[in-house]
């Protein structure tokens, strides 16, 4: 004799399965969308917390992202060699 419990069709199991399926779908969608959307995109100066003055010895002029004379690989717009942002990464 088959009982309802032996089929294991509980609401908890159904919700768990639905959550896993939705999560897997969202992860797959992000994997497909994010790389194409972020290709070539830069942070705004506000998001990077850019400031036109250095932070101690740290400045855009000695950052690996800086592109002379006034450009940056990761921050949009003109940046000063004497500026600084939270994405600072020193040259080696």
PDB file of N, CA and C in Angstrom:
ATOM      1  N   UNK A   1       0.831  -1.168   0.000  1.00  0.00           N
ATOM      2  CA  UNK A   1       0.000   0.000   0.000  1.00  0.00           C
ATOM      3  C   UNK A   1       0.890   1.251   0.000  1.00  0.00           C
ATOM      4  N   UNK A   2       0.652   2.143  -0.927  1.00  0.00           N
ATOM      5  CA  UNK A   2       1.444   3.349  -1.047  1.00  0.00           C
ATOM      6  C   UNK A   2       0.757   4.464  -0.275  1.00  0.00           C
ATOM      7  N   UNK A   3       1.532   5.121   0.575  1.00  0.00           N
ATOM      8  CA  UNK A   3       0.975   6.228   1.340  1.00  0.00           C
ATOM      9  C   UNK A   3       1.505   7.541   0.789  1.00  0.00           C
ATOM     10  N   UNK A   4       0.858   8.607   1.202  1.00  0.00           N
ATOM     11  CA  UNK A   4       1.271   9.946   0.768  1.00  0.00           C
ATOM     12  C   UNK A   4       2.717  10.224   1.159  1.00  0.00           C
ATOM     13  N   UNK A   5       3.126   9.783   2.350  1.00  0.00           N
ATOM     14  CA  UNK A   5       4.477  10.051   2.833  1.00  0.00           C
ATOM     15  C   UNK A   5       5.536   9.272   2.052  1.00  0.00           C
ATOM     16  N   UNK A   6       5.195   8.136   1.542  1.00  0.00           N
ATOM     17  CA  UNK A   6       6.184   7.360   0.794  1.00  0.00           C
ATOM     18  C   UNK A   6       6.482   8.005  -0.563  1.00  0.00           C
ATOM     19  N   UNK A   7       5.557   8.810  -1.080  1.00  0.00           N
ATOM     20  CA  UNK A   7       5.801   9.529  -2.320  1.00  0.00           C
ATOM     21  C   UNK A   7       6.683  10.755  -2.092  1.00  0.00           C
ATOM     22  N   UNK A   8       6.771  11.209  -0.848  1.00  0.00           N
ATOM     23  CA  UNK A   8       7.595  12.348  -0.445  1.00  0.00           C
ATOM     24  C   UNK A   8       7.285  13.605  -1.274  1.00  0.00           C
ATOM     25  N   UNK A   9       6.011  13.931  -1.368  1.00  0.00           N
ATOM     26  CA  UNK A   9       5.571  15.120  -2.100  1.00  0.00           C
ATOM     27  C   UNK A   9       5.230  16.246  -1.131  1.00  0.00           C
ATOM     28  N   UNK A  10       6.099  16.492  -0.189  1.00  0.00           N
ATOM     29  CA  UNK A  10       5.840  17.526   0.800  1.00  0.00           C
ATOM     30  C   UNK A  10       6.018  18.914   0.206  1.00  0.00           C
ATOM     31  N   UNK A  11       5.379  19.864   0.797  1.00  0.00           N
ATOM     32  CA  UNK A  11       5.518  21.259   0.360  1.00  0.00           C
ATOM     33  C   UNK A  11       6.959  21.714   0.504  1.00  0.00           C
ATOM     34  N   UNK A  12       7.624  21.289   1.568  1.00  0.00           N
ATOM     35  CA  UNK A  12       9.019  21.681   1.797  1.00  0.00           C
ATOM     36  C   UNK A  12       9.917  21.185   0.666  1.00  0.00           C
ATOM     37  N   UNK A  13       9.713  19.943   0.243  1.00  0.00           N
ATOM     38  CA  UNK A  13      10.528  19.389  -0.855  1.00  0.00           C
ATOM     39  C   UNK A  13      10.235  20.122  -2.159  1.00  0.00           C
ATOM     40  N   UNK A  14       8.981  20.428  -2.404  1.00  0.00           N
ATOM     41  CA  UNK A  14       8.609  21.151  -3.610  1.00  0.00           C
ATOM     42  C   UNK A  14       9.237  22.540  -3.628  1.00  0.00           C
ATOM     43  N   UNK A  15       9.175  23.272  -2.520  1.00  0.00           N
ATOM     44  CA  UNK A  15       9.765  24.607  -2.437  1.00  0.00           C
ATOM     45  C   UNK A  15      11.282  24.546  -2.564  1.00  0.00           C
ATOM     46  N   UNK A  16      11.902  23.553  -1.957  1.00  0.00           N
ATOM     47  CA  UNK A  16      13.355  23.409  -2.054  1.00  0.00           C
ATOM     48  C   UNK A  16      13.772  23.170  -3.513  1.00  0.00           C
ATOM     49  N   UNK A  17      13.052  22.294  -4.191  1.00  0.00           N
ATOM     50  CA  UNK A  17      13.354  22.027  -5.598  1.00  0.00           C
ATOM     51  C   UNK A  17      13.162  23.255  -6.468  1.00  0.00           C
ATOM     52  N   UNK A  18      12.077  24.010  -6.214  1.00  0.00           N
ATOM     53  CA  UNK A  18      11.820  25.225  -6.982  1.00  0.00           C
ATOM     54  C   UNK A  18      12.909  26.262  -6.730  1.00  0.00           C
ATOM     55  N   UNK A  19      13.348  26.400  -5.493  1.00  0.00           N
ATOM     56  CA  UNK A  19      14.400  27.357  -5.145  1.00  0.00           C
ATOM     57  C   UNK A  19      15.711  26.999  -5.837  1.00  0.00           C
ATOM     58  N   UNK A  20      16.036  25.724  -5.849  1.00  0.00           N
ATOM     59  CA  UNK A  20      17.261  25.285  -6.510  1.00  0.00           C
ATOM     60  C   UNK A  20      17.182  25.545  -8.010  1.00  0.00           C
ATOM     61  N   UNK A  21      16.032  25.257  -8.602  1.00  0.00           N
ATOM     62  CA  UNK A  21      15.867  25.478 -10.038  1.00  0.00           C
ATOM     63  C   UNK A  21      15.954  26.959 -10.387  1.00  0.00           C
ATOM     64  N   UNK A  22      15.319  27.812  -9.604  1.00  0.00           N
ATOM     65  CA  UNK A  22      15.367  29.258  -9.854  1.00  0.00           C
ATOM     66  C   UNK A  22      16.790  29.779  -9.680  1.00  0.00           C
ATOM     67  N   UNK A  23      17.467  29.315  -8.629  1.00  0.00           N
ATOM     68  CA  UNK A  23      18.851  29.737  -8.395  1.00  0.00           C
ATOM     69  C   UNK A  23      19.774  29.317  -9.531  1.00  0.00           C
ATOM     70  N   UNK A  24      19.605  28.103 -10.016  1.00  0.00           N
ATOM     71  CA  UNK A  24      20.440  27.628 -11.120  1.00  0.00           C
ATOM     72  C   UNK A  24      20.166  28.432 -12.389  1.00  0.00           C
ATOM     73  N   UNK A  25      18.891  28.749 -12.611  1.00  0.00           N
ATOM     74  CA  UNK A  25      18.533  29.557 -13.776  1.00  0.00           C
ATOM     75  C   UNK A  25      19.122  30.953 -13.690  1.00  0.00           C
ATOM     76  N   UNK A  26      19.047  31.550 -12.506  1.00  0.00           N
ATOM     77  CA  UNK A  26      19.607  32.897 -12.319  1.00  0.00           C
ATOM     78  C   UNK A  26      21.121  32.881 -12.511  1.00  0.00           C
ATOM     79  N   UNK A  27      21.781  31.873 -11.989  1.00  0.00           N
ATOM     80  CA  UNK A  27      23.240  31.766 -12.147  1.00  0.00           C
ATOM     81  C   UNK A  27      23.614  31.617 -13.620  1.00  0.00           C
ATOM     82  N   UNK A  28      22.864  30.793 -14.335  1.00  0.00           N
ATOM     83  CA  UNK A  28      23.135  30.614 -15.766  1.00  0.00           C
ATOM     84  C   UNK A  28      22.923  31.917 -16.526  1.00  0.00           C
ATOM     85  N   UNK A  29      21.872  32.648 -16.191  1.00  0.00           N
ATOM     86  CA  UNK A  29      21.594  33.925 -16.856  1.00  0.00           C
ATOM     87  C   UNK A  29      22.695  34.935 -16.569  1.00  0.00           C
ATOM     88  N   UNK A  30      23.174  34.999 -15.321  1.00  0.00           N
ATOM     89  CA  UNK A  30      24.240  35.932 -14.968  1.00  0.00           C
ATOM     90  C   UNK A  30      25.523  35.580 -15.704  1.00  0.00           C
ATOM     91  N   UNK A  31      25.803  34.309 -15.854  1.00  0.00           N
ATOM     92  CA  UNK A  31      27.011  33.871 -16.549  1.00  0.00           C
ATOM     93  C   UNK A  31      26.991  34.319 -18.001  1.00  0.00           C
ATOM     94  N   UNK A  32      25.823  34.304 -18.605  1.00  0.00           N
ATOM     95  CA  UNK A  32      25.715  34.704 -20.002  1.00  0.00           C
ATOM     96  C   UNK A  32      25.695  36.208 -20.191  1.00  0.00           C
ATOM     97  N   UNK A  33      25.098  36.943 -19.254  1.00  0.00           N
ATOM     98  CA  UNK A  33      24.898  38.383 -19.413  1.00  0.00           C
ATOM     99  C   UNK A  33      26.069  39.207 -18.910  1.00  0.00           C
ATOM    100  N   UNK A  34      26.619  38.906 -17.755  1.00  0.00           N
ATOM    101  CA  UNK A  34      27.624  39.746 -17.116  1.00  0.00           C
ATOM    102  C   UNK A  34      28.891  39.928 -17.946  1.00  0.00           C
ATOM    103  N   UNK A  35      29.500  38.890 -18.520  1.00  0.00           N
ATOM    104  CA  UNK A  35      30.728  39.127 -19.274  1.00  0.00           C
ATOM    105  C   UNK A  35      30.537  40.057 -20.466  1.00  0.00           C
ATOM    106  N   UNK A  36      29.421  39.963 -21.163  1.00  0.00           N
ATOM    107  CA  UNK A  36      29.221  40.828 -22.319  1.00  0.00           C
ATOM    108  C   UNK A  36      28.883  42.241 -21.897  1.00  0.00           C
ATOM    109  N   UNK A  37      28.173  42.397 -20.785  1.00  0.00           N
ATOM    110  CA  UNK A  37      27.794  43.729 -20.335  1.00  0.00           C
ATOM    111  C   UNK A  37      28.992  44.485 -19.760  1.00  0.00           C
ATOM    112  N   UNK A  38      29.928  43.781 -19.130  1.00  0.00           N
ATOM    113  CA  UNK A  38      31.035  44.463 -18.472  1.00  0.00           C
ATOM    114  C   UNK A  38      32.254  44.656 -19.378  1.00  0.00           C
ATOM    115  N   UNK A  39      32.237  44.072 -20.551  1.00  0.00           N
ATOM    116  CA  UNK A  39      33.380  44.214 -21.451  1.00  0.00           C
ATOM    117  C   UNK A  39      33.540  45.675 -21.856  1.00  0.00           C
ATOM    118  N   UNK A  40      34.665  46.272 -21.488  1.00  0.00           N
ATOM    119  CA  UNK A  40      34.940  47.650 -21.843  1.00  0.00           C
ATOM    120  C   UNK A  40      34.307  48.674 -20.918  1.00  0.00           C
ATOM    121  N   UNK A  41      33.501  48.245 -19.956  1.00  0.00           N
ATOM    122  CA  UNK A  41      32.856  49.177 -19.046  1.00  0.00           C
ATOM    123  C   UNK A  41      33.863  49.662 -18.002  1.00  0.00           C
ATOM    124  N   UNK A  42      33.714  50.921 -17.601  1.00  0.00           N
ATOM    125  CA  UNK A  42      34.588  51.502 -16.578  1.00  0.00           C
ATOM    126  C   UNK A  42      33.747  52.006 -15.420  1.00  0.00           C
ATOM    127  N   UNK A  43      34.382  52.160 -14.278  1.00  0.00           N
ATOM    128  CA  UNK A  43      33.730  52.743 -13.110  1.00  0.00           C
ATOM    129  C   UNK A  43      33.626  54.251 -13.309  1.00  0.00           C
ATOM    130  N   UNK A  44      32.548  54.828 -12.810  1.00  0.00           N
ATOM    131  CA  UNK A  44      32.462  56.285 -12.816  1.00  0.00           C
ATOM    132  C   UNK A  44      33.432  56.804 -11.758  1.00  0.00           C
ATOM    133  N   UNK A  45      33.796  58.071 -11.869  1.00  0.00           N
ATOM    134  CA  UNK A  45      34.707  58.643 -10.872  1.00  0.00           C
ATOM    135  C   UNK A  45      34.070  58.619  -9.490  1.00  0.00           C
ATOM    136  N   UNK A  46      32.771  58.803  -9.428  1.00  0.00           N
ATOM    137  CA  UNK A  46      32.077  58.782  -8.135  1.00  0.00           C
ATOM    138  C   UNK A  46      32.136  57.380  -7.518  1.00  0.00           C
ATOM    139  N   UNK A  47      31.871  56.351  -8.329  1.00  0.00           N
ATOM    140  CA  UNK A  47      31.915  54.975  -7.816  1.00  0.00           C
ATOM    141  C   UNK A  47      33.317  54.603  -7.342  1.00  0.00           C
ATOM    142  N   UNK A  48      34.337  55.072  -8.043  1.00  0.00           N
ATOM    143  CA  UNK A  48      35.721  54.770  -7.681  1.00  0.00           C
ATOM    144  C   UNK A  48      36.228  55.672  -6.563  1.00  0.00           C
ATOM    145  N   UNK A  49      35.409  56.624  -6.151  1.00  0.00           N
ATOM    146  CA  UNK A  49      35.770  57.611  -5.126  1.00  0.00           C
ATOM    147  C   UNK A  49      37.039  58.365  -5.528  1.00  0.00           C
ATOM    148  N   UNK A  50      37.082  58.739  -6.807  1.00  0.00           N
ATOM    149  CA  UNK A  50      38.231  59.476  -7.334  1.00  0.00           C
ATOM    150  C   UNK A  50      38.319  60.848  -6.687  1.00  0.00           C
ATOM    151  N   UNK A  51      39.546  61.256  -6.398  1.00  0.00           N
ATOM    152  CA  UNK A  51      39.816  62.605  -5.904  1.00  0.00           C
ATOM    153  C   UNK A  51      41.033  63.122  -6.656  1.00  0.00           C
ATOM    154  N   UNK A  52      41.079  64.426  -6.960  1.00  0.00           N
ATOM    155  CA  UNK A  52      42.181  64.974  -7.754  1.00  0.00           C
ATOM    156  C   UNK A  52      43.487  65.136  -6.983  1.00  0.00           C
ATOM    157  N   UNK A  53      43.498  64.750  -5.719  1.00  0.00           N
ATOM    158  CA  UNK A  53      44.708  64.867  -4.897  1.00  0.00           C
ATOM    159  C   UNK A  53      45.171  63.474  -4.467  1.00  0.00           C
ATOM    160  N   UNK A  54      46.469  63.298  -4.211  1.00  0.00           N
ATOM    161  CA  UNK A  54      46.984  61.987  -3.817  1.00  0.00           C
ATOM    162  C   UNK A  54      46.554  61.608  -2.403  1.00  0.00           C
ATOM    163  N   UNK A  55      46.722  60.354  -2.078  1.00  0.00           N
ATOM    164  CA  UNK A  55      46.483  59.864  -0.717  1.00  0.00           C
ATOM    165  C   UNK A  55      47.832  59.373  -0.209  1.00  0.00           C
ATOM    166  N   UNK A  56      48.536  60.281   0.437  1.00  0.00           N
ATOM    167  CA  UNK A  56      49.904  59.967   0.867  1.00  0.00           C
ATOM    168  C   UNK A  56      50.774  59.724  -0.352  1.00  0.00           C
ATOM    169  N   UNK A  57      51.549  58.645  -0.347  1.00  0.00           N
ATOM    170  CA  UNK A  57      52.401  58.351  -1.508  1.00  0.00           C
ATOM    171  C   UNK A  57      51.627  57.711  -2.668  1.00  0.00           C
ATOM    172  N   UNK A  58      50.366  57.373  -2.441  1.00  0.00           N
ATOM    173  CA  UNK A  58      49.565  56.745  -3.489  1.00  0.00           C
ATOM    174  C   UNK A  58      48.977  57.803  -4.415  1.00  0.00           C
ATOM    175  N   UNK A  59      49.215  57.655  -5.717  1.00  0.00           N
ATOM    176  CA  UNK A  59      48.616  58.562  -6.691  1.00  0.00           C
ATOM    177  C   UNK A  59      48.483  57.840  -8.031  1.00  0.00           C
ATOM    178  N   UNK A  60      47.655  58.389  -8.884  1.00  0.00           N
ATOM    179  CA  UNK A  60      47.400  57.764 -10.191  1.00  0.00           C
ATOM    180  C   UNK A  60      48.682  57.584 -10.996  1.00  0.00           C
ATOM    181  N   UNK A  61      49.613  58.499 -10.854  1.00  0.00           N
ATOM    182  CA  UNK A  61      50.860  58.434 -11.603  1.00  0.00           C
ATOM    183  C   UNK A  61      51.674  57.187 -11.321  1.00  0.00           C
ATOM    184  N   UNK A  62      51.521  56.577 -10.133  1.00  0.00           N
ATOM    185  CA  UNK A  62      52.260  55.344  -9.839  1.00  0.00           C
ATOM    186  C   UNK A  62      51.312  54.151  -9.640  1.00  0.00           C
ATOM    187  N   UNK A  63      50.178  54.192 -10.357  1.00  0.00           N
ATOM    188  CA  UNK A  63      49.185  53.112 -10.330  1.00  0.00           C
ATOM    189  C   UNK A  63      49.273  52.337 -11.652  1.00  0.00           C
ATOM    190  N   UNK A  64      49.113  51.021 -11.597  1.00  0.00           N
ATOM    191  CA  UNK A  64      49.201  50.205 -12.811  1.00  0.00           C
ATOM    192  C   UNK A  64      48.058  50.482 -13.787  1.00  0.00           C
ATOM    193  N   UNK A  65      46.978  51.075 -13.309  1.00  0.00           N
ATOM    194  CA  UNK A  65      45.825  51.346 -14.169  1.00  0.00           C
ATOM    195  C   UNK A  65      45.960  52.668 -14.939  1.00  0.00           C
ATOM    196  N   UNK A  66      46.876  53.521 -14.536  1.00  0.00           N
ATOM    197  CA  UNK A  66      47.008  54.854 -15.140  1.00  0.00           C
ATOM    198  C   UNK A  66      47.580  54.763 -16.547  1.00  0.00           C
ATOM    199  N   UNK A  67      46.999  55.567 -17.447  1.00  0.00           N
ATOM    200  CA  UNK A  67      47.469  55.657 -18.827  1.00  0.00           C
ATOM    201  C   UNK A  67      47.797  57.127 -19.100  1.00  0.00           C
ATOM    202  N   UNK A  68      49.091  57.457 -19.189  1.00  0.00           N
ATOM    203  CA  UNK A  68      49.468  58.858 -19.400  1.00  0.00           C
ATOM    204  C   UNK A  68      48.764  59.431 -20.621  1.00  0.00           C
ATOM    205  N   UNK A  69      48.389  60.608 -20.608  1.00  0.00           N
ATOM    206  CA  UNK A  69      48.568  61.692 -19.675  1.00  0.00           C
ATOM    207  C   UNK A  69      47.379  61.827 -18.709  1.00  0.00           C
ATOM    208  N   UNK A  70      46.177  61.546 -19.156  1.00  0.00           N
ATOM    209  CA  UNK A  70      45.025  61.773 -18.272  1.00  0.00           C
ATOM    210  C   UNK A  70      43.971  60.670 -18.355  1.00  0.00           C
ATOM    211  N   UNK A  71      44.382  59.429 -18.535  1.00  0.00           N
ATOM    212  CA  UNK A  71      43.414  58.340 -18.676  1.00  0.00           C
ATOM    213  C   UNK A  71      43.673  57.224 -17.667  1.00  0.00           C
ATOM    214  N   UNK A  72      42.662  56.398 -17.495  1.00  0.00           N
ATOM    215  CA  UNK A  72      42.760  55.252 -16.592  1.00  0.00           C
ATOM    216  C   UNK A  72      42.071  54.063 -17.259  1.00  0.00           C
ATOM    217  N   UNK A  73      42.596  52.876 -17.043  1.00  0.00           N
ATOM    218  CA  UNK A  73      42.016  51.664 -17.622  1.00  0.00           C
ATOM    219  C   UNK A  73      40.677  51.303 -16.997  1.00  0.00           C
ATOM    220  N   UNK A  74      40.441  51.701 -15.745  1.00  0.00           N
ATOM    221  CA  UNK A  74      39.238  51.259 -15.032  1.00  0.00           C
ATOM    222  C   UNK A  74      38.312  52.387 -14.585  1.00  0.00           C
ATOM    223  N   UNK A  75      38.763  53.635 -14.648  1.00  0.00           N
ATOM    224  CA  UNK A  75      37.943  54.779 -14.228  1.00  0.00           C
ATOM    225  C   UNK A  75      37.634  55.639 -15.451  1.00  0.00           C
ATOM    226  N   UNK A  76      36.385  56.000 -15.620  1.00  0.00           N
ATOM    227  CA  UNK A  76      35.944  56.786 -16.761  1.00  0.00           C
ATOM    228  C   UNK A  76      36.310  58.261 -16.598  1.00  0.00           C
ATOM    229  N   UNK A  77      36.561  58.913 -17.691  1.00  0.00           N
ATOM    230  CA  UNK A  77      36.861  60.343 -17.684  1.00  0.00           C
ATOM    231  C   UNK A  77      38.338  60.633 -17.502  1.00  0.00           C
ATOM    232  N   UNK A  78      38.649  61.936 -17.472  1.00  0.00           N
ATOM    233  CA  UNK A  78      40.039  62.363 -17.279  1.00  0.00           C
ATOM    234  C   UNK A  78      40.420  62.229 -15.816  1.00  0.00           C
ATOM    235  N   UNK A  79      41.628  61.730 -15.587  1.00  0.00           N
ATOM    236  CA  UNK A  79      42.170  61.628 -14.222  1.00  0.00           C
ATOM    237  C   UNK A  79      43.542  62.285 -14.200  1.00  0.00           C
ATOM    238  N   UNK A  80      43.856  62.921 -13.114  1.00  0.00           N
ATOM    239  CA  UNK A  80      45.154  63.585 -12.965  1.00  0.00           C
ATOM    240  C   UNK A  80      46.179  62.587 -12.445  1.00  0.00           C
ATOM    241  N   UNK A  81      47.416  62.730 -12.878  1.00  0.00           N
ATOM    242  CA  UNK A  81      48.491  61.869 -12.388  1.00  0.00           C
ATOM    243  C   UNK A  81      48.650  62.028 -10.880  1.00  0.00           C
ATOM    244  N   UNK A  82      48.276  63.181 -10.361  1.00  0.00           N
ATOM    245  CA  UNK A  82      48.378  63.428  -8.921  1.00  0.00           C
ATOM    246  C   UNK A  82      47.108  63.020  -8.180  1.00  0.00           C
ATOM    247  N   UNK A  83      46.131  62.447  -8.874  1.00  0.00           N
ATOM    248  CA  UNK A  83      44.874  62.029  -8.250  1.00  0.00           C
ATOM    249  C   UNK A  83      44.989  60.683  -7.559  1.00  0.00           C
ATOM    250  N   UNK A  84      43.862  60.201  -7.035  1.00  0.00           N
ATOM    251  CA  UNK A  84      43.814  58.911  -6.329  1.00  0.00           C
ATOM    252  C   UNK A  84      42.381  58.397  -6.352  1.00  0.00           C
ATOM    253  N   UNK A  85      42.207  57.066  -6.328  1.00  0.00           N
ATOM    254  CA  UNK A  85      40.880  56.470  -6.154  1.00  0.00           C
ATOM    255  C   UNK A  85      41.040  55.167  -5.382  1.00  0.00           C
ATOM    256  N   UNK A  86      39.909  54.603  -4.969  1.00  0.00           N
ATOM    257  CA  UNK A  86      39.941  53.391  -4.149  1.00  0.00           C
ATOM    258  C   UNK A  86      40.394  52.159  -4.940  1.00  0.00           C
ATOM    259  N   UNK A  87      40.511  52.265  -6.260  1.00  0.00           N
ATOM    260  CA  UNK A  87      40.966  51.149  -7.092  1.00  0.00           C
ATOM    261  C   UNK A  87      42.482  51.175  -7.293  1.00  0.00           C
ATOM    262  N   UNK A  88      43.147  52.045  -6.572  1.00  0.00           N
ATOM    263  CA  UNK A  88      44.607  52.214  -6.685  1.00  0.00           C
ATOM    264  C   UNK A  88      45.318  50.872  -6.528  1.00  0.00           C
ATOM    265  N   UNK A  89      46.271  50.615  -7.417  1.00  0.00           N
ATOM    266  CA  UNK A  89      47.102  49.413  -7.349  1.00  0.00           C
ATOM    267  C   UNK A  89      48.521  49.844  -7.748  1.00  0.00           C
ATOM    268  N   UNK A  90      49.473  49.774  -6.824  1.00  0.00           N
ATOM    269  CA  UNK A  90      50.806  50.288  -7.110  1.00  0.00           C
ATOM    270  C   UNK A  90      51.529  49.525  -8.212  1.00  0.00           C
ATOM    271  N   UNK A  91      52.378  50.243  -8.940  1.00  0.00           N
ATOM    272  CA  UNK A  91      53.235  49.593  -9.931  1.00  0.00           C
ATOM    273  C   UNK A  91      54.299  48.820  -9.190  1.00  0.00           C
ATOM    274  N   UNK A  92      54.844  47.843  -9.824  1.00  0.00           N
ATOM    275  CA  UNK A  92      55.841  46.987  -9.139  1.00  0.00           C
ATOM    276  C   UNK A  92      57.216  47.536  -9.269  1.00  0.00           C
TER     277      UNK A  92
END
